[in-house]
Amino acid sequence: MRTGTQYTGTVNRRNSLRVFTHSWPQNWHVIWYVVPVSPRAGAPQLEWSVEVERANTEHATYWVNVRNLTDFDAQFEMRYAIMNI
């Protein structure tokens, strides 16, 4: 397994952000997750979903939708884990 951070950003309070990342080999099993890096104790800060586009016969594009659940701007990292390497 290989892990890493693909993107670091900020999503404004009570707002959403959509990030895409492209040219991932289609035969890789990639898991995406979002982790807040601005501490704010007491409740969940972010929720996310992932959509996949098969760009061509060899590559995939991932669309990661991040939603801020708080009244504060939230910094986050968009991380990945490649399960079959």
C-alpha atoms as a PDB file:
ATOM      1  CA  MET A   1       0.000   0.000   0.000  1.00  0.00           C
ATOM      2  CA  ARG A   2       1.148   3.529  -0.776  1.00  0.00           C
ATOM      3  CA  THR A   3      -0.335   6.665   0.822  1.00  0.00           C
ATOM      4  CA  GLY A   4       0.059  10.386   0.298  1.00  0.00           C
ATOM      5  CA  THR A   5      -1.529  13.823   0.178  1.00  0.00           C
ATOM      6  CA  GLN A   6      -2.757  15.009  -3.210  1.00  0.00           C
ATOM      7  CA  TYR A   7      -4.180  18.416  -2.259  1.00  0.00           C
ATOM      8  CA  THR A   8      -4.221  20.863   0.657  1.00  0.00           C
ATOM      9  CA  GLY A   9      -6.811  23.614   0.765  1.00  0.00           C
ATOM     10  CA  THR A  10      -9.501  25.536   2.586  1.00  0.00           C
ATOM     11  CA  VAL A  11     -13.251  25.225   2.301  1.00  0.00           C
ATOM     12  CA  ASN A  12     -15.189  28.254   3.519  1.00  0.00           C
ATOM     13  CA  ARG A  13     -17.721  27.989   6.338  1.00  0.00           C
ATOM     14  CA  ARG A  14     -20.972  26.221   5.436  1.00  0.00           C
ATOM     15  CA  ASN A  15     -19.716  25.881   1.857  1.00  0.00           C
ATOM     16  CA  SER A  16     -18.597  23.153  -0.520  1.00  0.00           C
ATOM     17  CA  LEU A  17     -15.573  22.671  -2.741  1.00  0.00           C
ATOM     18  CA  ARG A  18     -14.975  20.255  -5.601  1.00  0.00           C
ATOM     19  CA  VAL A  19     -11.440  19.097  -6.396  1.00  0.00           C
ATOM     20  CA  PHE A  20     -10.418  16.819  -9.259  1.00  0.00           C
ATOM     21  CA  THR A  21      -7.293  14.804  -9.798  1.00  0.00           C
ATOM     22  CA  HIS A  22      -6.590  13.082 -13.107  1.00  0.00           C
ATOM     23  CA  SER A  23      -4.453  10.531 -14.940  1.00  0.00           C
ATOM     24  CA  TRP A  24      -4.552   7.806 -12.295  1.00  0.00           C
ATOM     25  CA  PRO A  25      -3.926   4.342 -13.767  1.00  0.00           C
ATOM     26  CA  GLN A  26      -7.265   2.585 -14.145  1.00  0.00           C
ATOM     27  CA  ASN A  27      -5.987  -0.653 -12.613  1.00  0.00           C
ATOM     28  CA  TRP A  28      -5.045   0.990  -9.283  1.00  0.00           C
ATOM     29  CA  HIS A  29      -7.486   0.629  -6.392  1.00  0.00           C
ATOM     30  CA  VAL A  30      -7.415   4.178  -4.955  1.00  0.00           C
ATOM     31  CA  ILE A  31      -9.223   5.196  -1.750  1.00  0.00           C
ATOM     32  CA  TRP A  32      -9.762   8.926  -1.119  1.00  0.00           C
ATOM     33  CA  TYR A  33     -10.319  10.548   2.249  1.00  0.00           C
ATOM     34  CA  VAL A  34     -10.408  14.092   3.617  1.00  0.00           C
ATOM     35  CA  VAL A  35      -8.889  15.128   6.948  1.00  0.00           C
ATOM     36  CA  PRO A  36      -9.344  18.553   8.587  1.00  0.00           C
ATOM     37  CA  VAL A  37      -6.064  20.107   9.721  1.00  0.00           C
ATOM     38  CA  SER A  38      -7.552  23.135  11.505  1.00  0.00           C
ATOM     39  CA  PRO A  39      -8.544  21.936  15.011  1.00  0.00           C
ATOM     40  CA  ARG A  40     -12.138  22.574  16.092  1.00  0.00           C
ATOM     41  CA  ALA A  41     -13.267  20.200  18.847  1.00  0.00           C
ATOM     42  CA  GLY A  42     -16.835  19.166  19.536  1.00  0.00           C
ATOM     43  CA  ALA A  43     -18.421  18.024  16.276  1.00  0.00           C
ATOM     44  CA  PRO A  44     -17.625  16.779  12.759  1.00  0.00           C
ATOM     45  CA  GLN A  45     -16.112  19.457  10.536  1.00  0.00           C
ATOM     46  CA  LEU A  46     -16.207  17.972   7.045  1.00  0.00           C
ATOM     47  CA  GLU A  47     -18.007  15.432   4.948  1.00  0.00           C
ATOM     48  CA  TRP A  48     -16.937  14.262   1.517  1.00  0.00           C
ATOM     49  CA  SER A  49     -17.909  12.104  -1.406  1.00  0.00           C
ATOM     50  CA  VAL A  50     -15.943  10.792  -4.371  1.00  0.00           C
ATOM     51  CA  GLU A  51     -17.016  10.432  -7.994  1.00  0.00           C
ATOM     52  CA  VAL A  52     -15.016   8.660 -10.698  1.00  0.00           C
ATOM     53  CA  GLU A  53     -14.687   9.355 -14.412  1.00  0.00           C
ATOM     54  CA  ARG A  54     -13.063   6.828 -16.713  1.00  0.00           C
ATOM     55  CA  ALA A  55     -11.118   9.355 -18.786  1.00  0.00           C
ATOM     56  CA  ASN A  56      -9.867   6.816 -21.327  1.00  0.00           C
ATOM     57  CA  THR A  57      -8.991   3.115 -21.492  1.00  0.00           C
ATOM     58  CA  GLU A  58      -5.940   3.581 -19.262  1.00  0.00           C
ATOM     59  CA  HIS A  59      -6.759   6.383 -16.785  1.00  0.00           C
ATOM     60  CA  ALA A  60      -9.324   7.554 -14.250  1.00  0.00           C
ATOM     61  CA  THR A  61     -10.195  10.999 -12.933  1.00  0.00           C
ATOM     62  CA  TYR A  62     -11.469  11.389  -9.379  1.00  0.00           C
ATOM     63  CA  TRP A  63     -13.761  14.219  -8.275  1.00  0.00           C
ATOM     64  CA  VAL A  64     -13.706  14.812  -4.507  1.00  0.00           C
ATOM     65  CA  ASN A  65     -16.557  16.905  -3.102  1.00  0.00           C
ATOM     66  CA  VAL A  66     -15.809  18.447   0.314  1.00  0.00           C
ATOM     67  CA  ARG A  67     -18.502  20.095   2.464  1.00  0.00           C
ATOM     68  CA  ASN A  68     -17.726  22.248   5.516  1.00  0.00           C
ATOM     69  CA  LEU A  69     -20.248  21.586   8.297  1.00  0.00           C
ATOM     70  CA  THR A  70     -19.055  24.392  10.584  1.00  0.00           C
ATOM     71  CA  ASP A  71     -19.329  28.161  10.923  1.00  0.00           C
ATOM     72  CA  PHE A  72     -15.556  28.493  10.469  1.00  0.00           C
ATOM     73  CA  ASP A  73     -13.283  28.156   7.433  1.00  0.00           C
ATOM     74  CA  ALA A  74     -11.702  24.680   7.513  1.00  0.00           C
ATOM     75  CA  GLN A  75      -8.285  23.739   6.201  1.00  0.00           C
ATOM     76  CA  PHE A  76      -7.987  20.156   5.029  1.00  0.00           C
ATOM     77  CA  GLU A  77      -5.845  17.584   3.291  1.00  0.00           C
ATOM     78  CA  MET A  78      -7.156  15.352   0.532  1.00  0.00           C
ATOM     79  CA  ARG A  79      -5.322  12.070   1.033  1.00  0.00           C
ATOM     80  CA  TYR A  80      -5.160   8.825  -0.896  1.00  0.00           C
ATOM     81  CA  ALA A  81      -4.261   5.207  -0.325  1.00  0.00           C
ATOM     82  CA  ILE A  82      -3.394   2.945  -3.256  1.00  0.00           C
ATOM     83  CA  MET A  83      -4.342  -0.509  -2.094  1.00  0.00           C
ATOM     84  CA  ASN A  84      -2.915  -2.773  -4.783  1.00  0.00           C
ATOM     85  CA  ILE A  85       0.683  -1.569  -5.213  1.00  0.00           C
END
